[in-house]
Amino acid sequence: MTQVLTETIYLGFEHENLLALMTQVQNAGFDERVTVEERRGLRAFFVARGGYIEASGMNAQVIEVPRVTCGFHVFEFEDKLGQFR
């Protein structure tokens, strides 16, 4: 009987990370730094045969993402959330 009660209570507290269903989530360690690299500058042109194509200057920027804690309270079922993807 104790095992049944324990499993029932445990399943009541077990949940899926709903935020990961809606966006990309990365869990970092306490001392880890999370960065995002962004590349810009590539341009595309419509050119006639034998035409000249200008050179594109590419650059990259690395941005450190600050540590944040995200909290949420959801009272809908997972299958209903799937329609928002």
Protein backbone atom coordinates (compact mmCIF):
# COMPACT_ATOMS: atom_id res chain seq x y z
CA MET A 1 0.00 0.00 0.00
CA THR A 2 2.88 2.37 0.81
CA GLN A 3 4.43 1.76 -2.59
CA VAL A 4 1.16 2.59 -4.36
CA LEU A 5 0.78 5.80 -2.35
CA THR A 6 4.40 6.79 -3.03
CA GLU A 7 4.03 6.23 -6.79
CA THR A 8 0.77 8.18 -6.87
CA ILE A 9 2.30 11.14 -5.03
CA TYR A 10 5.44 11.02 -7.19
CA LEU A 11 3.42 11.02 -10.44
CA GLY A 12 1.46 14.00 -9.15
CA PHE A 13 4.68 16.04 -8.86
CA GLU A 14 6.34 14.73 -12.01
CA HIS A 15 6.01 17.11 -14.95
CA GLU A 16 7.45 17.79 -18.37
CA ASN A 17 9.31 20.99 -19.17
CA LEU A 18 6.56 22.79 -21.10
CA LEU A 19 8.85 25.67 -22.02
CA ALA A 20 10.93 23.27 -24.13
CA LEU A 21 7.80 22.46 -26.16
CA MET A 22 7.52 26.10 -27.25
CA THR A 23 11.12 27.27 -27.67
CA GLN A 24 14.74 26.15 -27.66
CA VAL A 25 15.99 25.63 -24.10
CA GLN A 26 19.57 25.11 -22.94
CA ASN A 27 20.31 24.18 -19.33
CA ALA A 28 23.73 25.43 -18.27
CA GLY A 29 25.79 24.48 -15.27
CA PHE A 30 26.42 26.97 -12.46
CA ASP A 31 29.79 28.16 -13.84
CA GLU A 32 28.99 27.71 -17.55
CA ARG A 33 28.75 30.64 -19.93
CA VAL A 34 26.20 30.40 -22.73
CA THR A 35 26.97 32.28 -25.94
CA VAL A 36 25.17 32.86 -29.22
CA GLU A 37 27.13 33.49 -32.41
CA GLU A 38 25.52 35.65 -35.07
CA ARG A 39 26.89 35.99 -38.60
CA ARG A 40 25.86 38.82 -40.91
CA GLY A 41 26.86 40.44 -44.13
CA LEU A 42 26.19 37.84 -46.84
CA ARG A 43 24.14 39.35 -49.65
CA ALA A 44 22.54 37.59 -52.61
CA PHE A 45 21.93 39.18 -56.00
CA PHE A 46 19.91 38.34 -59.10
CA VAL A 47 22.46 38.65 -61.91
CA ALA A 48 22.21 38.19 -65.65
CA ARG A 49 24.62 35.75 -67.27
CA GLY A 50 28.10 37.31 -67.43
CA GLY A 51 27.11 40.04 -64.94
CA TYR A 52 29.17 41.37 -62.04
CA ILE A 53 28.53 40.23 -58.46
CA GLU A 54 29.64 42.52 -55.64
CA ALA A 55 31.68 40.95 -52.86
CA SER A 56 30.01 40.50 -49.48
CA GLY A 57 31.82 41.36 -46.27
CA MET A 58 31.00 38.79 -43.59
CA ASN A 59 31.32 39.45 -39.87
CA ALA A 60 30.56 37.44 -36.76
CA GLN A 61 29.50 38.62 -33.33
CA VAL A 62 29.49 36.47 -30.18
CA ILE A 63 27.00 37.51 -27.51
CA GLU A 64 26.95 36.11 -23.99
CA VAL A 65 23.44 35.27 -22.79
CA PRO A 66 22.88 36.39 -19.19
CA ARG A 67 21.69 33.82 -16.66
CA VAL A 68 17.95 34.01 -16.07
CA THR A 69 15.42 31.96 -14.18
CA CYS A 70 12.12 31.39 -15.92
CA GLY A 71 8.99 30.49 -14.01
CA PHE A 72 5.52 29.72 -15.32
CA HIS A 73 2.21 28.28 -14.19
CA VAL A 74 0.14 26.37 -16.75
CA PHE A 75 -3.32 24.98 -16.23
CA GLU A 76 -3.89 23.52 -19.72
CA PHE A 77 -3.14 20.05 -21.06
CA GLU A 78 -0.05 19.34 -23.19
CA ASP A 79 -2.06 18.38 -26.29
CA LYS A 80 -3.76 21.80 -26.29
CA LEU A 81 -0.37 23.53 -26.09
CA GLY A 82 0.74 21.67 -29.23
CA GLN A 83 -1.50 23.84 -31.40
CA PHE A 84 0.66 26.91 -30.63
CA ARG A 85 3.79 25.51 -32.29
